[in-house]
């Protein structure tokens, strides 16, 4: 009856309102862009060619009928919906999904020919246009579609995004419901500002980091690496070449690099230890005083084994091949064990200096120093055996222990010396010190000139 229908409508509206309140994202922290950041946004504004292509994509969208009546089963219900997640239940998927699928294919070709269209400056311009319009839902839907396409390409990669949404209809549906509709509704809010876009990127990256943490706890390390990698890609657009323009972006990026390293150390197989070392080095490039980065890099040095073990041999899974394409390359031979242990001791001492009370760092440092001492003793015992030519026995004058002490002291001194150098000089000096340390520990004795090089 009409009365029953009216009653049912009130129940549905109440349920939707309650769900909207539950799903509403937590308010973001206030964000203030400093002058340097504002200059960066102006300097990275879209070029004239990029704006021409944006206009071309808008015209492609205008060719389709993306009216509210076609997009939603009952557009009048939108007035009763307060947030994006609830609006999705009213989307007319039978009409919308085929239309959006065709649009994606056409716009994909434009973006493929000009990948720079997905860069931050272009997306920020489109977001600003949506916010400044303060328009109706109908006028914002086409822009929201375009903006969400570019956002997804930037976060996942052009090929990865279009492959994902074109393979399964359900994935495309989720993208429309959970990304496009909430974005359009958000921009109808008169309180939304241009800065909310930056907040949204930061929050999105944080959400991927949290997802990665959850996957890590469930021992799904490969999937966690993928989540952390998406967060890093979302935030790398704030990187100017020598630093992040936003501290929040830098903090999340460093955390994700370190978390990827932790995942790699948990995964067996070729390339994982090297991946951990690489991720920790990336983290240290952004934060030179991070004890966790020094600690995990030291662990990766200590877990580096014989080159044959990390040679990339063995059957790779499809996921490994996709996540770690570098494994298909011929790996570089690992440094001698003595050198790896010396590097680990250097990093552990630096970590302990930054975090004096950390028991895990102290334990690993003691283990590494013990291994170094035993290696020196073993070398001394080998030197005591009769020589091939003279039959003489080398005397144990304690020089092995002295040499290790000298190497460690040299590295401690070098740490301060390297701090004041630029990257190129620092690399050259580090290579020189490494070669000297190897010679002092005797790992190069008996090798040809080519092998030493």
Foldseek 3Di string as FASTA:
>chain_A
DVVVVVVVVVVVLVVLVVVCVVPPDDDFDDDDADPVRVVVLVVLADDPVLVVLVVVLLVVLVVDPQAQVQQFVDSVCVVSHDFQLSRLVGGPLVRPLVVLLVSCVVVLVSCVVPVCCLAPNNLLVLLQVLLVVLDDLRVQLSSLSVSLLSLQCQLQNSVRVNVQCVPDVVSVSCCCRVRRRRSSSVSNDNVDHSCVVVSVLLVQLVVLQVVLVVCVVVVVLLVSLSSLSSSLSSLCSQPPPQAGSDPSSLVSNLVSLQSNLVSLVVDDAAPSLVSNLVSLVVSCSHPVLDLSSLQSNLVSLQPDDFCVRNQLDDDDDPSCCVSPVVSVDGDDGDDDNLLSLLSSLLSLVSSCVSVVPDPVSVVVNVVSVVVNVVLLVVVQVVQQAQDPPPGHGDDPPVLSVVLVVVLNVVSVVVVVVLVPDDPVVSVVVVVVSSLVNCVSNPVCPPHDPVVSD
